[in-house]
Amino acid sequence: MKRDNILGLKGIFCFILWFISTNYSGLPFQILGVDTNDIPILIKQLYTIIIELCVIIVVILMFKDQLAIMIKDFKKNNLVYFKKYFKCWFLILALMMISNAIILLLDPSS
């Protein structure tokens, strides 16, 4: 298979993994017959953090070769990236603030 096809399949797998982990994260509790309303909030938070860490670790392991190349490139060209993309980040941040202000003006209850 071509390298692009493999990367595409990895991306699709990551999306499916994320979808399953977010929508079916309470499934083990349901299988065991545990009522999630009776579980302390600390346990729920720890469970959620562990599930998210597992997803992050799987994604990092899947893309470790590409990540290593990108990290080397970033270390070599970090000043160029900061000069070029820091302005874009501020522009997008400003647009987000403006859109939030418009939403608050249109719907004060939000």
Protein backbone atom coordinates (compact mmCIF):
# COMPACT_ATOMS: atom_id res chain seq x y z
CA MET A 1 0.00 0.00 0.00
CA LYS A 2 1.06 3.54 -0.55
CA ARG A 3 2.27 5.59 2.37
CA ASP A 4 -0.63 8.06 1.95
CA ASN A 5 -3.17 5.25 2.07
CA ILE A 6 -1.65 3.93 5.29
CA LEU A 7 -1.74 7.40 6.84
CA GLY A 8 -5.36 7.76 5.74
CA LEU A 9 -6.30 4.45 7.32
CA LYS A 10 -4.50 5.45 10.52
CA GLY A 11 -6.46 8.70 10.57
CA ILE A 12 -9.76 6.90 10.07
CA PHE A 13 -8.85 4.46 12.85
CA CYS A 14 -7.99 7.37 15.18
CA PHE A 15 -11.34 9.02 14.46
CA ILE A 16 -13.20 5.77 15.12
CA LEU A 17 -11.20 5.23 18.31
CA TRP A 18 -12.03 8.76 19.49
CA PHE A 19 -15.71 8.28 18.60
CA ILE A 20 -15.93 4.99 20.49
CA SER A 21 -14.03 6.32 23.50
CA THR A 22 -16.30 9.36 23.85
CA ASN A 23 -19.65 7.76 23.11
CA TYR A 24 -19.17 4.39 24.76
CA SER A 25 -16.90 5.22 27.68
CA GLY A 26 -19.64 4.34 30.18
CA LEU A 27 -20.18 0.90 28.66
CA PRO A 28 -18.00 -0.97 31.21
CA PHE A 29 -20.13 0.44 34.02
CA GLN A 30 -23.31 -0.63 32.25
CA ILE A 31 -21.94 -4.13 31.62
CA LEU A 32 -21.00 -4.50 35.28
CA GLY A 33 -24.39 -3.14 36.33
CA VAL A 34 -22.93 -0.16 38.20
CA ASP A 35 -25.11 2.93 38.46
CA THR A 36 -22.93 5.87 37.44
CA ASN A 37 -25.00 8.23 39.59
CA ASP A 38 -23.72 6.44 42.71
CA ILE A 39 -20.04 6.72 41.75
CA PRO A 40 -18.16 9.63 43.36
CA ILE A 41 -17.21 12.43 41.00
CA LEU A 42 -13.49 11.89 41.69
CA ILE A 43 -13.70 8.31 40.42
CA LYS A 44 -15.56 9.47 37.29
CA GLN A 45 -12.92 12.11 36.62
CA LEU A 46 -10.06 9.65 37.09
CA TYR A 47 -11.79 7.15 34.82
CA THR A 48 -12.26 9.79 32.12
CA ILE A 49 -8.62 10.91 32.39
CA ILE A 50 -7.40 7.31 32.09
CA ILE A 51 -9.57 6.67 29.02
CA GLU A 52 -8.32 9.87 27.35
CA LEU A 53 -4.70 9.03 28.18
CA CYS A 54 -5.15 5.61 26.59
CA VAL A 55 -6.47 7.21 23.41
CA ILE A 56 -3.59 9.72 23.35
CA ILE A 57 -1.01 6.97 23.87
CA VAL A 58 -2.48 4.87 21.04
CA VAL A 59 -2.45 7.86 18.66
CA ILE A 60 1.13 8.75 19.62
CA LEU A 61 2.26 5.15 19.07
CA MET A 62 0.53 5.04 15.70
CA PHE A 63 2.15 8.25 14.47
CA LYS A 64 5.50 8.04 16.28
CA ASP A 65 7.56 8.09 13.07
CA GLN A 66 5.78 11.14 11.67
CA LEU A 67 5.90 12.86 15.06
CA ALA A 68 9.66 12.30 15.32
CA ILE A 69 10.18 13.88 11.90
CA MET A 70 7.94 16.83 12.76
CA ILE A 71 9.64 17.41 16.12
CA LYS A 72 13.07 17.46 14.45
CA ASP A 73 11.76 19.93 11.87
CA PHE A 74 10.24 22.10 14.58
CA LYS A 75 13.48 22.15 16.57
CA LYS A 76 15.37 23.21 13.48
CA ASN A 77 12.90 25.87 12.30
CA ASN A 78 11.19 27.00 15.51
CA LEU A 79 11.92 30.72 15.07
CA VAL A 80 10.53 30.70 11.55
CA TYR A 81 7.37 28.98 12.74
CA PHE A 82 6.89 31.38 15.65
CA LYS A 83 7.36 34.46 13.45
CA LYS A 84 5.01 33.17 10.78
CA TYR A 85 2.25 31.45 12.74
CA PHE A 86 2.10 33.43 15.98
CA LYS A 87 0.37 36.23 14.04
CA CYS A 88 -2.14 33.72 12.67
CA TRP A 89 -2.80 32.45 16.19
CA PHE A 90 -3.54 35.97 17.44
CA LEU A 91 -5.80 36.65 14.46
CA ILE A 92 -7.79 33.47 15.09
CA LEU A 93 -7.94 34.25 18.82
CA ALA A 94 -9.35 37.71 18.03
CA LEU A 95 -11.91 36.23 15.63
CA MET A 96 -12.98 33.75 18.29
CA MET A 97 -13.41 36.56 20.84
CA ILE A 98 -15.50 38.55 18.36
CA SER A 99 -17.68 35.56 17.54
CA ASN A 100 -18.24 34.89 21.26
CA ALA A 101 -19.22 38.53 21.77
CA ILE A 102 -21.72 38.27 18.89
CA ILE A 103 -23.17 35.09 20.39
CA LEU A 104 -23.57 36.83 23.76
CA LEU A 105 -25.29 39.79 22.10
CA LEU A 106 -27.70 37.53 20.22
CA ASP A 107 -28.41 35.20 23.13
CA PRO A 108 -27.67 36.80 26.54
CA SER A 109 -28.69 33.65 28.40
CA SER A 110 -25.68 31.77 27.02
